[in-house]
Amino acid sequence: MLGNGVKLSSLNVRSVNPFWTKSQPLHADMAAIADENGYWVCNLVWMIDDITRDNGPIRAIPGSHRLRKFPSDVLSDPQSPHPDEVLITGKAGTVAVMNAHLWHGGLGNHTASTRTALHAFYCRRDKPQQQYQKKLLSSATQARLSAELRDLLALDDPVNDELSGRPRVISGFLK
């Protein structure tokens, strides 16, 4: 999806509380639009809990990653249901891989149980990390990491230091 040379951009958990019925607007992660080199963001969603239609699934608009536009540029209300949306659901342990330029958003949880998923977000080497890993990890922790992990986290990459050391890129659903 992104070609060779990717780095971990961020790793986080999204937990949707019971009866938290507010949904995210449709967005593209990191306010990212494919550039002249193609796609540059990818999100892996590891379902820690079963994700059902009722407990906060991800809604996605197939093919929207090819539009090279933000939902807010095209839709009068990115919060509203979209006629082409599909729901991403699955059993605990399922991993959904999606082009993060795809318009998507988490829906509300209408159940009495928490719904949790781990998000591993990757980007191309020529783009900034969403979470600047070098700044987040102590020197002692960095020193213990293998060469492979240091590479995945771009800890020894001066280009990443320049890109990721700049003011933060806003989240896609804030665009």
C-alpha atoms as a PDB file:
ATOM      1  CA  MET A   1       0.000   0.000   0.000  1.00  0.00           C
ATOM      2  CA  LEU A   2       2.800   2.435   0.894  1.00  0.00           C
ATOM      3  CA  GLY A   3       5.699   0.788  -0.923  1.00  0.00           C
ATOM      4  CA  ASN A   4       9.072   0.142   0.655  1.00  0.00           C
ATOM      5  CA  GLY A   5      10.461   2.204   3.484  1.00  0.00           C
ATOM      6  CA  VAL A   6       7.745   2.746   6.071  1.00  0.00           C
ATOM      7  CA  LYS A   7       7.987   3.742   9.722  1.00  0.00           C
ATOM      8  CA  LEU A   8       5.683   3.483  12.680  1.00  0.00           C
ATOM      9  CA  SER A   9       3.917   6.809  12.959  1.00  0.00           C
ATOM     10  CA  SER A  10       1.906   6.123  16.109  1.00  0.00           C
ATOM     11  CA  LEU A  11       0.536   3.360  18.252  1.00  0.00           C
ATOM     12  CA  ASN A  12      -2.562   3.999  20.321  1.00  0.00           C
ATOM     13  CA  VAL A  13      -5.757   2.546  21.653  1.00  0.00           C
ATOM     14  CA  ARG A  14      -9.260   3.765  20.956  1.00  0.00           C
ATOM     15  CA  SER A  15     -11.713   2.717  23.603  1.00  0.00           C
ATOM     16  CA  VAL A  16     -15.366   3.604  23.145  1.00  0.00           C
ATOM     17  CA  ASN A  17     -17.132   3.809  26.491  1.00  0.00           C
ATOM     18  CA  PRO A  18     -20.537   2.204  27.087  1.00  0.00           C
ATOM     19  CA  PHE A  19     -23.385   4.363  25.833  1.00  0.00           C
ATOM     20  CA  TRP A  20     -20.952   6.931  24.381  1.00  0.00           C
ATOM     21  CA  THR A  21     -23.126   7.579  21.362  1.00  0.00           C
ATOM     22  CA  LYS A  22     -21.155  10.426  19.791  1.00  0.00           C
ATOM     23  CA  SER A  23     -19.487   9.500  16.494  1.00  0.00           C
ATOM     24  CA  GLN A  24     -16.409  10.827  14.754  1.00  0.00           C
ATOM     25  CA  PRO A  25     -16.966  12.774  11.554  1.00  0.00           C
ATOM     26  CA  LEU A  26     -15.666  11.213   8.364  1.00  0.00           C
ATOM     27  CA  HIS A  27     -11.987  12.092   8.030  1.00  0.00           C
ATOM     28  CA  ALA A  28      -8.660  11.040   6.518  1.00  0.00           C
ATOM     29  CA  ASP A  29      -5.962  10.337   9.118  1.00  0.00           C
ATOM     30  CA  MET A  30      -3.382  13.094   9.652  1.00  0.00           C
ATOM     31  CA  ALA A  31      -5.348  15.276   7.226  1.00  0.00           C
ATOM     32  CA  ALA A  32      -3.513  13.282   4.558  1.00  0.00           C
ATOM     33  CA  ILE A  33      -4.198  13.352   0.854  1.00  0.00           C
ATOM     34  CA  ALA A  34      -2.180  11.191  -1.513  1.00  0.00           C
ATOM     35  CA  ASP A  35       0.633  13.200  -3.092  1.00  0.00           C
ATOM     36  CA  GLU A  36       2.654  12.883  -6.310  1.00  0.00           C
ATOM     37  CA  ASN A  37       4.344   9.788  -4.838  1.00  0.00           C
ATOM     38  CA  GLY A  38       1.046   8.146  -3.951  1.00  0.00           C
ATOM     39  CA  TYR A  39      -0.441   7.029  -0.653  1.00  0.00           C
ATOM     40  CA  TRP A  40       1.512   7.719   2.516  1.00  0.00           C
ATOM     41  CA  VAL A  41      -0.561   6.599   5.513  1.00  0.00           C
ATOM     42  CA  CYS A  42      -1.875   3.187   6.553  1.00  0.00           C
ATOM     43  CA  ASN A  43      -3.766   2.155   9.684  1.00  0.00           C
ATOM     44  CA  LEU A  44      -3.958  -1.344  11.169  1.00  0.00           C
ATOM     45  CA  VAL A  45      -6.869  -1.750  13.548  1.00  0.00           C
ATOM     46  CA  TRP A  46      -6.454  -4.712  15.868  1.00  0.00           C
ATOM     47  CA  MET A  47      -9.797  -5.558  17.441  1.00  0.00           C
ATOM     48  CA  ILE A  48      -9.203  -6.245  21.131  1.00  0.00           C
ATOM     49  CA  ASP A  49     -12.953  -6.746  21.618  1.00  0.00           C
ATOM     50  CA  ASP A  50     -15.520  -7.935  19.101  1.00  0.00           C
ATOM     51  CA  ILE A  51     -16.561  -4.934  17.042  1.00  0.00           C
ATOM     52  CA  THR A  52     -20.229  -5.049  16.122  1.00  0.00           C
ATOM     53  CA  ARG A  53     -22.698  -2.758  14.387  1.00  0.00           C
ATOM     54  CA  ASP A  54     -23.800  -1.503  17.812  1.00  0.00           C
ATOM     55  CA  ASN A  55     -20.618  -0.987  19.844  1.00  0.00           C
ATOM     56  CA  GLY A  56     -18.662   1.569  17.830  1.00  0.00           C
ATOM     57  CA  PRO A  57     -17.612   0.119  14.483  1.00  0.00           C
ATOM     58  CA  ILE A  58     -15.590   2.078  11.947  1.00  0.00           C
ATOM     59  CA  ARG A  59     -17.599   3.368   9.035  1.00  0.00           C
ATOM     60  CA  ALA A  60     -15.703   3.783   5.763  1.00  0.00           C
ATOM     61  CA  ILE A  61     -16.496   5.085   2.299  1.00  0.00           C
ATOM     62  CA  PRO A  62     -15.062   2.656  -0.312  1.00  0.00           C
ATOM     63  CA  GLY A  63     -12.954   4.358  -2.991  1.00  0.00           C
ATOM     64  CA  SER A  64     -12.840   7.728  -1.229  1.00  0.00           C
ATOM     65  CA  HIS A  65      -9.045   7.487  -0.849  1.00  0.00           C
ATOM     66  CA  ARG A  66      -8.799   8.003  -4.630  1.00  0.00           C
ATOM     67  CA  LEU A  67     -10.651  11.347  -4.556  1.00  0.00           C
ATOM     68  CA  ARG A  68      -7.706  13.303  -3.133  1.00  0.00           C
ATOM     69  CA  LYS A  69     -10.132  15.484  -1.222  1.00  0.00           C
ATOM     70  CA  PHE A  70     -11.176  15.777   2.395  1.00  0.00           C
ATOM     71  CA  PRO A  71     -14.741  14.887   3.375  1.00  0.00           C
ATOM     72  CA  SER A  72     -15.167  18.456   4.647  1.00  0.00           C
ATOM     73  CA  ASP A  73     -14.373  19.705   1.108  1.00  0.00           C
ATOM     74  CA  VAL A  74     -17.167  17.642  -0.444  1.00  0.00           C
ATOM     75  CA  LEU A  75     -19.810  16.887   2.178  1.00  0.00           C
ATOM     76  CA  SER A  76     -22.093  19.419   3.806  1.00  0.00           C
ATOM     77  CA  ASP A  77     -21.947  17.402   7.046  1.00  0.00           C
ATOM     78  CA  PRO A  78     -19.129  14.815   7.505  1.00  0.00           C
ATOM     79  CA  GLN A  79     -20.897  13.703  10.703  1.00  0.00           C
ATOM     80  CA  SER A  80     -24.008  12.500   8.841  1.00  0.00           C
ATOM     81  CA  PRO A  81     -24.490   8.994   7.468  1.00  0.00           C
ATOM     82  CA  HIS A  82     -23.107   8.567   3.942  1.00  0.00           C
ATOM     83  CA  PRO A  83     -25.064   6.561   1.339  1.00  0.00           C
ATOM     84  CA  ASP A  84     -21.982   4.499   0.406  1.00  0.00           C
ATOM     85  CA  GLU A  85     -20.664   3.793   3.909  1.00  0.00           C
ATOM     86  CA  VAL A  86     -19.790   0.279   5.000  1.00  0.00           C
ATOM     87  CA  LEU A  87     -19.157  -0.848   8.571  1.00  0.00           C
ATOM     88  CA  ILE A  88     -15.910  -2.538   9.560  1.00  0.00           C
ATOM     89  CA  THR A  89     -16.746  -5.167  12.151  1.00  0.00           C
ATOM     90  CA  GLY A  90     -15.094  -8.367  13.340  1.00  0.00           C
ATOM     91  CA  LYS A  91     -14.274 -10.737  16.144  1.00  0.00           C
ATOM     92  CA  ALA A  92     -11.642  -9.976  18.797  1.00  0.00           C
ATOM     93  CA  GLY A  93      -8.223 -10.688  17.290  1.00  0.00           C
ATOM     94  CA  THR A  94      -9.206  -9.555  13.794  1.00  0.00           C
ATOM     95  CA  VAL A  95      -6.886  -7.017  12.180  1.00  0.00           C
ATOM     96  CA  ALA A  96      -8.320  -4.624   9.607  1.00  0.00           C
ATOM     97  CA  VAL A  97      -5.757  -2.940   7.337  1.00  0.00           C
ATOM     98  CA  MET A  98      -6.887   0.233   5.660  1.00  0.00           C
ATOM     99  CA  ASN A  99      -5.482   2.958   3.527  1.00  0.00           C
ATOM    100  CA  ALA A 100      -5.795   5.846   5.985  1.00  0.00           C
ATOM    101  CA  HIS A 101      -6.567   8.313   3.178  1.00  0.00           C
ATOM    102  CA  LEU A 102      -9.912   6.479   3.054  1.00  0.00           C
ATOM    103  CA  TRP A 103     -12.726   8.553   4.548  1.00  0.00           C
ATOM    104  CA  HIS A 104     -13.643   6.858   7.802  1.00  0.00           C
ATOM    105  CA  GLY A 105     -14.800   7.516  11.338  1.00  0.00           C
ATOM    106  CA  GLY A 106     -15.651   5.630  14.489  1.00  0.00           C
ATOM    107  CA  LEU A 107     -19.321   5.354  15.362  1.00  0.00           C
ATOM    108  CA  GLY A 108     -20.840   5.600  18.831  1.00  0.00           C
ATOM    109  CA  ASN A 109     -21.264   2.728  21.240  1.00  0.00           C
ATOM    110  CA  HIS A 110     -24.915   1.883  21.962  1.00  0.00           C
ATOM    111  CA  THR A 111     -24.149  -1.027  24.312  1.00  0.00           C
ATOM    112  CA  ALA A 112     -23.358  -1.453  28.004  1.00  0.00           C
ATOM    113  CA  SER A 113     -19.794  -2.699  27.318  1.00  0.00           C
ATOM    114  CA  THR A 114     -16.566  -0.914  26.408  1.00  0.00           C
ATOM    115  CA  ARG A 115     -15.243  -1.513  22.884  1.00  0.00           C
ATOM    116  CA  THR A 116     -11.446  -1.385  22.459  1.00  0.00           C
ATOM    117  CA  ALA A 117      -9.102  -1.526  19.458  1.00  0.00           C
ATOM    118  CA  LEU A 118      -5.354  -1.000  19.043  1.00  0.00           C
ATOM    119  CA  HIS A 119      -4.326   1.264  16.158  1.00  0.00           C
ATOM    120  CA  ALA A 120      -0.890   0.816  14.575  1.00  0.00           C
ATOM    121  CA  PHE A 121      -0.449   3.747  12.217  1.00  0.00           C
ATOM    122  CA  TYR A 122       2.326   3.708   9.598  1.00  0.00           C
ATOM    123  CA  CYS A 123       3.609   6.340   7.180  1.00  0.00           C
ATOM    124  CA  ARG A 124       6.163   6.687   4.410  1.00  0.00           C
ATOM    125  CA  ARG A 125       9.702   7.688   5.379  1.00  0.00           C
ATOM    126  CA  ASP A 126       9.355  11.116   3.738  1.00  0.00           C
ATOM    127  CA  LYS A 127       6.459  12.143   6.017  1.00  0.00           C
ATOM    128  CA  PRO A 128       6.383  13.132   9.696  1.00  0.00           C
ATOM    129  CA  GLN A 129       5.378  10.701  12.397  1.00  0.00           C
ATOM    130  CA  GLN A 130       2.063  11.400  14.085  1.00  0.00           C
ATOM    131  CA  GLN A 131       3.817  10.713  17.406  1.00  0.00           C
ATOM    132  CA  TYR A 132       7.531  11.570  17.281  1.00  0.00           C
ATOM    133  CA  GLN A 133       8.893   8.304  18.681  1.00  0.00           C
ATOM    134  CA  LYS A 134      12.372   9.654  19.453  1.00  0.00           C
ATOM    135  CA  LYS A 135      10.876  12.280  21.737  1.00  0.00           C
ATOM    136  CA  LEU A 136       8.536   9.802  23.442  1.00  0.00           C
ATOM    137  CA  LEU A 137      11.112   7.113  24.321  1.00  0.00           C
ATOM    138  CA  SER A 138      13.774   7.648  26.977  1.00  0.00           C
ATOM    139  CA  SER A 139      17.430   7.366  25.968  1.00  0.00           C
ATOM    140  CA  ALA A 140      17.717   4.227  28.122  1.00  0.00           C
ATOM    141  CA  THR A 141      14.794   2.591  26.320  1.00  0.00           C
ATOM    142  CA  GLN A 142      16.128   3.577  22.915  1.00  0.00           C
ATOM    143  CA  ALA A 143      19.529   2.089  23.766  1.00  0.00           C
ATOM    144  CA  ARG A 144      17.958  -1.318  24.478  1.00  0.00           C
ATOM    145  CA  LEU A 145      16.153  -1.577  21.124  1.00  0.00           C
ATOM    146  CA  SER A 146      17.313  -3.813  18.292  1.00  0.00           C
ATOM    147  CA  ALA A 147      18.474  -2.318  15.004  1.00  0.00           C
ATOM    148  CA  GLU A 148      15.205  -3.466  13.399  1.00  0.00           C
ATOM    149  CA  LEU A 149      13.063  -1.682  15.987  1.00  0.00           C
ATOM    150  CA  ARG A 150      15.238   1.447  15.821  1.00  0.00           C
ATOM    151  CA  ASP A 151      14.679   1.462  12.063  1.00  0.00           C
ATOM    152  CA  LEU A 152      10.909   0.902  12.345  1.00  0.00           C
ATOM    153  CA  LEU A 153      10.695   3.797  14.818  1.00  0.00           C
ATOM    154  CA  ALA A 154      13.057   5.965  12.696  1.00  0.00           C
ATOM    155  CA  LEU A 155      15.188   6.708  15.765  1.00  0.00           C
ATOM    156  CA  ASP A 156      18.414   7.205  13.796  1.00  0.00           C
ATOM    157  CA  ASP A 157      16.905   9.022  10.817  1.00  0.00           C
ATOM    158  CA  PRO A 158      17.911  12.716  10.579  1.00  0.00           C
ATOM    159  CA  VAL A 159      15.212  13.321   7.948  1.00  0.00           C
ATOM    160  CA  ASN A 160      12.598  12.033  10.390  1.00  0.00           C
ATOM    161  CA  ASP A 161      14.063  14.287  13.095  1.00  0.00           C
ATOM    162  CA  GLU A 162      13.564  17.282  10.809  1.00  0.00           C
ATOM    163  CA  LEU A 163      10.074  16.262   9.662  1.00  0.00           C
ATOM    164  CA  SER A 164       8.733  15.131  13.017  1.00  0.00           C
ATOM    165  CA  GLY A 165      10.385  17.872  15.043  1.00  0.00           C
ATOM    166  CA  ARG A 166       8.217  20.505  13.352  1.00  0.00           C
ATOM    167  CA  PRO A 167       4.909  21.645  14.839  1.00  0.00           C
ATOM    168  CA  ARG A 168       2.477  18.732  15.023  1.00  0.00           C
ATOM    169  CA  VAL A 169       0.287  17.670  12.155  1.00  0.00           C
ATOM    170  CA  ILE A 170      -3.363  17.857  13.142  1.00  0.00           C
ATOM    171  CA  SER A 171      -5.506  14.765  13.299  1.00  0.00           C
ATOM    172  CA  GLY A 172      -7.511  14.109  10.158  1.00  0.00           C
ATOM    173  CA  PHE A 173     -10.907  14.399  11.817  1.00  0.00           C
ATOM    174  CA  LEU A 174     -10.058  17.916  12.999  1.00  0.00           C
ATOM    175  CA  LYS A 175      -9.620  19.085   9.380  1.00  0.00           C
END
